[in-house]
Amino acid sequence: MPRKVSQLAARPNVGLSIVSGNCVMVVAGTASTSRDPDLIRRLWHPTYRAWFPHGAADREATVIQVTVERIDYWEPPGSRFVP
């Protein structure tokens, strides 16, 4: 089992950070993994070969799904965004 997959199995709580310009979004949730070949083929994109050289059939290809529990969003004062 790849190291990251075993880490997620042991500690599934995750945080994802997305930064664009001065804006930041943090997503917190619980991760689960799947090695369902049909799901991997459906989500596959050719650029993933950089990490999985054998394509969608690579034995280490795994889908990580995050069930979102919380989203925090920050942007600088004076922004045009109004929540």
N, C-alpha and C. Protein backbone atom coordinates (compact mmCIF):
# COMPACT_ATOMS: atom_id res chain seq x y z
N MET A 1 0.84 -1.17 0.00
CA MET A 1 0.00 0.00 0.00
C MET A 1 0.90 1.24 0.00
N PRO A 2 0.66 2.18 -0.92
CA PRO A 2 1.47 3.40 -0.93
C PRO A 2 1.39 4.12 0.42
N ARG A 3 2.46 4.81 0.76
CA ARG A 3 2.58 5.45 2.07
C ARG A 3 1.42 6.42 2.34
N LYS A 4 1.07 7.28 1.40
CA LYS A 4 0.02 8.27 1.64
C LYS A 4 -1.33 7.58 1.88
N VAL A 5 -1.62 6.50 1.18
CA VAL A 5 -2.88 5.78 1.38
C VAL A 5 -2.93 5.21 2.79
N SER A 6 -1.83 4.65 3.27
CA SER A 6 -1.81 4.09 4.63
C SER A 6 -1.91 5.21 5.67
N GLN A 7 -1.32 6.38 5.38
CA GLN A 7 -1.45 7.52 6.31
C GLN A 7 -2.90 7.98 6.39
N LEU A 8 -3.59 8.05 5.25
CA LEU A 8 -5.00 8.45 5.25
C LEU A 8 -5.88 7.43 5.97
N ALA A 9 -5.55 6.16 5.85
CA ALA A 9 -6.32 5.14 6.55
C ALA A 9 -6.17 5.30 8.06
N ALA A 10 -4.97 5.67 8.50
CA ALA A 10 -4.72 5.83 9.93
C ALA A 10 -5.25 7.15 10.47
N ARG A 11 -5.18 8.20 9.66
CA ARG A 11 -5.60 9.55 10.09
C ARG A 11 -6.36 10.22 8.96
N PRO A 12 -7.66 9.96 8.84
CA PRO A 12 -8.42 10.45 7.68
C PRO A 12 -8.80 11.94 7.72
N ASN A 13 -8.60 12.63 8.83
CA ASN A 13 -8.93 14.06 8.87
C ASN A 13 -7.89 14.82 8.06
N VAL A 14 -8.37 15.63 7.10
CA VAL A 14 -7.47 16.33 6.19
C VAL A 14 -7.84 17.80 6.07
N GLY A 15 -6.89 18.59 5.61
CA GLY A 15 -7.12 19.98 5.29
C GLY A 15 -6.52 20.27 3.93
N LEU A 16 -7.27 20.96 3.10
CA LEU A 16 -6.80 21.33 1.76
C LEU A 16 -6.77 22.85 1.70
N SER A 17 -5.65 23.41 1.27
CA SER A 17 -5.52 24.87 1.15
C SER A 17 -5.42 25.25 -0.31
N ILE A 18 -6.17 26.27 -0.70
CA ILE A 18 -6.15 26.78 -2.07
C ILE A 18 -5.88 28.27 -1.99
N VAL A 19 -4.83 28.71 -2.69
CA VAL A 19 -4.46 30.12 -2.68
C VAL A 19 -4.53 30.65 -4.10
N SER A 20 -5.20 31.79 -4.27
CA SER A 20 -5.29 32.45 -5.56
C SER A 20 -5.12 33.94 -5.33
N GLY A 21 -4.00 34.47 -5.77
CA GLY A 21 -3.72 35.88 -5.48
C GLY A 21 -3.60 36.06 -3.98
N ASN A 22 -4.39 36.98 -3.42
CA ASN A 22 -4.40 37.21 -1.98
C ASN A 22 -5.50 36.45 -1.26
N CYS A 23 -6.30 35.70 -1.99
CA CYS A 23 -7.43 34.97 -1.42
C CYS A 23 -7.00 33.56 -1.02
N VAL A 24 -7.53 33.10 0.11
CA VAL A 24 -7.20 31.77 0.61
C VAL A 24 -8.49 31.05 0.97
N MET A 25 -8.57 29.78 0.59
CA MET A 25 -9.68 28.93 0.98
C MET A 25 -9.10 27.67 1.62
N VAL A 26 -9.63 27.32 2.77
CA VAL A 26 -9.19 26.11 3.46
C VAL A 26 -10.40 25.20 3.61
N VAL A 27 -10.26 23.97 3.16
CA VAL A 27 -11.32 22.97 3.23
C VAL A 27 -10.88 21.90 4.22
N ALA A 28 -11.72 21.63 5.22
CA ALA A 28 -11.42 20.58 6.20
C ALA A 28 -12.45 19.47 6.03
N GLY A 29 -11.99 18.23 6.16
CA GLY A 29 -12.92 17.12 6.01
C GLY A 29 -12.28 15.79 6.31
N THR A 30 -12.97 14.75 5.89
CA THR A 30 -12.52 13.39 6.12
C THR A 30 -12.26 12.72 4.78
N ALA A 31 -11.08 12.12 4.65
CA ALA A 31 -10.68 11.49 3.39
C ALA A 31 -10.97 10.00 3.40
N SER A 32 -11.33 9.50 2.25
CA SER A 32 -11.45 8.06 2.03
C SER A 32 -10.79 7.76 0.69
N THR A 33 -10.40 6.53 0.49
CA THR A 33 -9.71 6.15 -0.74
C THR A 33 -10.47 5.04 -1.45
N SER A 34 -10.25 4.99 -2.76
CA SER A 34 -10.87 3.93 -3.57
C SER A 34 -9.88 3.52 -4.66
N ARG A 35 -9.84 2.24 -4.91
CA ARG A 35 -9.05 1.70 -6.02
C ARG A 35 -9.95 1.08 -7.08
N ASP A 36 -11.19 1.52 -7.09
CA ASP A 36 -12.17 1.02 -8.06
C ASP A 36 -11.68 1.36 -9.46
N PRO A 37 -11.35 0.36 -10.29
CA PRO A 37 -10.80 0.62 -11.62
C PRO A 37 -11.74 1.43 -12.51
N ASP A 38 -13.06 1.22 -12.40
CA ASP A 38 -14.00 1.99 -13.21
C ASP A 38 -13.97 3.47 -12.82
N LEU A 39 -13.91 3.75 -11.53
CA LEU A 39 -13.85 5.13 -11.06
C LEU A 39 -12.54 5.79 -11.48
N ILE A 40 -11.43 5.08 -11.36
CA ILE A 40 -10.13 5.62 -11.77
C ILE A 40 -10.14 5.93 -13.26
N ARG A 41 -10.67 5.02 -14.08
CA ARG A 41 -10.74 5.27 -15.53
C ARG A 41 -11.62 6.49 -15.84
N ARG A 42 -12.72 6.64 -15.12
CA ARG A 42 -13.64 7.75 -15.37
C ARG A 42 -12.99 9.10 -15.03
N LEU A 43 -12.17 9.13 -13.99
CA LEU A 43 -11.54 10.37 -13.56
C LEU A 43 -10.17 10.61 -14.18
N TRP A 44 -9.65 9.64 -14.90
CA TRP A 44 -8.29 9.70 -15.44
C TRP A 44 -8.10 10.86 -16.41
N HIS A 45 -6.92 11.48 -16.34
CA HIS A 45 -6.50 12.51 -17.29
C HIS A 45 -5.07 12.18 -17.70
N PRO A 46 -4.71 12.33 -18.96
CA PRO A 46 -3.37 11.95 -19.42
C PRO A 46 -2.21 12.61 -18.63
N THR A 47 -2.42 13.79 -18.08
CA THR A 47 -1.34 14.44 -17.33
C THR A 47 -0.98 13.68 -16.06
N TYR A 48 -1.84 12.78 -15.59
CA TYR A 48 -1.56 12.01 -14.38
C TYR A 48 -0.44 11.00 -14.60
N ARG A 49 -0.06 10.77 -15.86
CA ARG A 49 1.04 9.83 -16.14
C ARG A 49 2.35 10.27 -15.49
N ALA A 50 2.48 11.56 -15.19
CA ALA A 50 3.69 12.03 -14.50
C ALA A 50 3.85 11.32 -13.16
N TRP A 51 2.75 10.96 -12.51
CA TRP A 51 2.80 10.27 -11.23
C TRP A 51 2.52 8.78 -11.35
N PHE A 52 1.75 8.42 -12.38
CA PHE A 52 1.36 7.02 -12.58
C PHE A 52 1.70 6.62 -14.01
N PRO A 53 2.97 6.25 -14.26
CA PRO A 53 3.44 6.02 -15.63
C PRO A 53 2.73 4.89 -16.38
N HIS A 54 2.04 4.01 -15.67
CA HIS A 54 1.35 2.91 -16.34
C HIS A 54 -0.11 3.26 -16.64
N GLY A 55 -0.44 4.54 -16.51
CA GLY A 55 -1.79 4.99 -16.85
C GLY A 55 -2.81 4.62 -15.80
N ALA A 56 -4.07 4.61 -16.21
CA ALA A 56 -5.17 4.34 -15.29
C ALA A 56 -5.07 2.95 -14.68
N ALA A 57 -4.34 2.05 -15.32
CA ALA A 57 -4.19 0.69 -14.81
C ALA A 57 -3.01 0.57 -13.84
N ASP A 58 -2.31 1.67 -13.56
CA ASP A 58 -1.18 1.64 -12.63
C ASP A 58 -1.65 1.07 -11.29
N ARG A 59 -0.91 0.14 -10.74
CA ARG A 59 -1.35 -0.54 -9.52
C ARG A 59 -1.40 0.38 -8.30
N GLU A 60 -0.76 1.54 -8.37
CA GLU A 60 -0.79 2.47 -7.25
C GLU A 60 -1.78 3.62 -7.44
N ALA A 61 -2.46 3.67 -8.58
CA ALA A 61 -3.45 4.73 -8.81
C ALA A 61 -4.59 4.57 -7.81
N THR A 62 -4.91 5.64 -7.14
CA THR A 62 -5.93 5.63 -6.09
C THR A 62 -6.71 6.93 -6.15
N VAL A 63 -8.00 6.86 -5.96
CA VAL A 63 -8.84 8.05 -5.88
C VAL A 63 -8.98 8.43 -4.41
N ILE A 64 -8.76 9.70 -4.12
CA ILE A 64 -8.97 10.22 -2.77
C ILE A 64 -10.21 11.10 -2.80
N GLN A 65 -11.17 10.77 -1.97
CA GLN A 65 -12.41 11.55 -1.87
C GLN A 65 -12.42 12.24 -0.52
N VAL A 66 -12.76 13.52 -0.50
CA VAL A 66 -12.84 14.26 0.75
C VAL A 66 -14.30 14.65 0.99
N THR A 67 -14.83 14.23 2.12
CA THR A 67 -16.16 14.65 2.55
C THR A 67 -15.96 15.94 3.33
N VAL A 68 -16.46 17.04 2.77
CA VAL A 68 -16.21 18.38 3.33
C VAL A 68 -17.03 18.58 4.59
N GLU A 69 -16.34 19.04 5.64
CA GLU A 69 -17.01 19.35 6.90
C GLU A 69 -17.00 20.85 7.20
N ARG A 70 -16.02 21.54 6.63
CA ARG A 70 -15.92 22.98 6.89
C ARG A 70 -15.11 23.65 5.78
N ILE A 71 -15.53 24.87 5.43
CA ILE A 71 -14.77 25.69 4.47
C ILE A 71 -14.59 27.07 5.08
N ASP A 72 -13.36 27.54 5.08
CA ASP A 72 -13.04 28.90 5.50
C ASP A 72 -12.47 29.63 4.30
N TYR A 73 -12.89 30.90 4.13
CA TYR A 73 -12.45 31.69 2.99
C TYR A 73 -12.03 33.07 3.49
N TRP A 74 -10.85 33.50 3.07
CA TRP A 74 -10.35 34.82 3.45
C TRP A 74 -9.93 35.56 2.20
N GLU A 75 -10.19 36.84 2.20
CA GLU A 75 -9.66 37.70 1.14
C GLU A 75 -9.39 39.08 1.73
N PRO A 76 -8.56 39.86 1.07
CA PRO A 76 -8.14 41.14 1.64
C PRO A 76 -9.31 42.13 1.75
N PRO A 77 -9.20 43.08 2.68
CA PRO A 77 -10.22 44.13 2.79
C PRO A 77 -10.33 44.91 1.47
N GLY A 78 -11.51 45.42 1.19
CA GLY A 78 -11.71 46.17 -0.05
C GLY A 78 -12.05 45.30 -1.23
N SER A 79 -12.22 44.00 -1.00
CA SER A 79 -12.55 43.08 -2.08
C SER A 79 -13.98 43.33 -2.55
N ARG A 80 -14.28 42.94 -3.77
CA ARG A 80 -15.62 43.09 -4.31
C ARG A 80 -16.55 41.96 -3.88
N PHE A 81 -16.01 40.89 -3.30
CA PHE A 81 -16.83 39.75 -2.89
C PHE A 81 -17.62 40.12 -1.64
N VAL A 82 -18.93 39.84 -1.65
CA VAL A 82 -19.77 40.10 -0.48
C VAL A 82 -20.46 38.79 -0.13
N PRO A 83 -20.16 38.22 1.05
CA PRO A 83 -20.79 36.94 1.43
C PRO A 83 -22.26 37.07 1.70
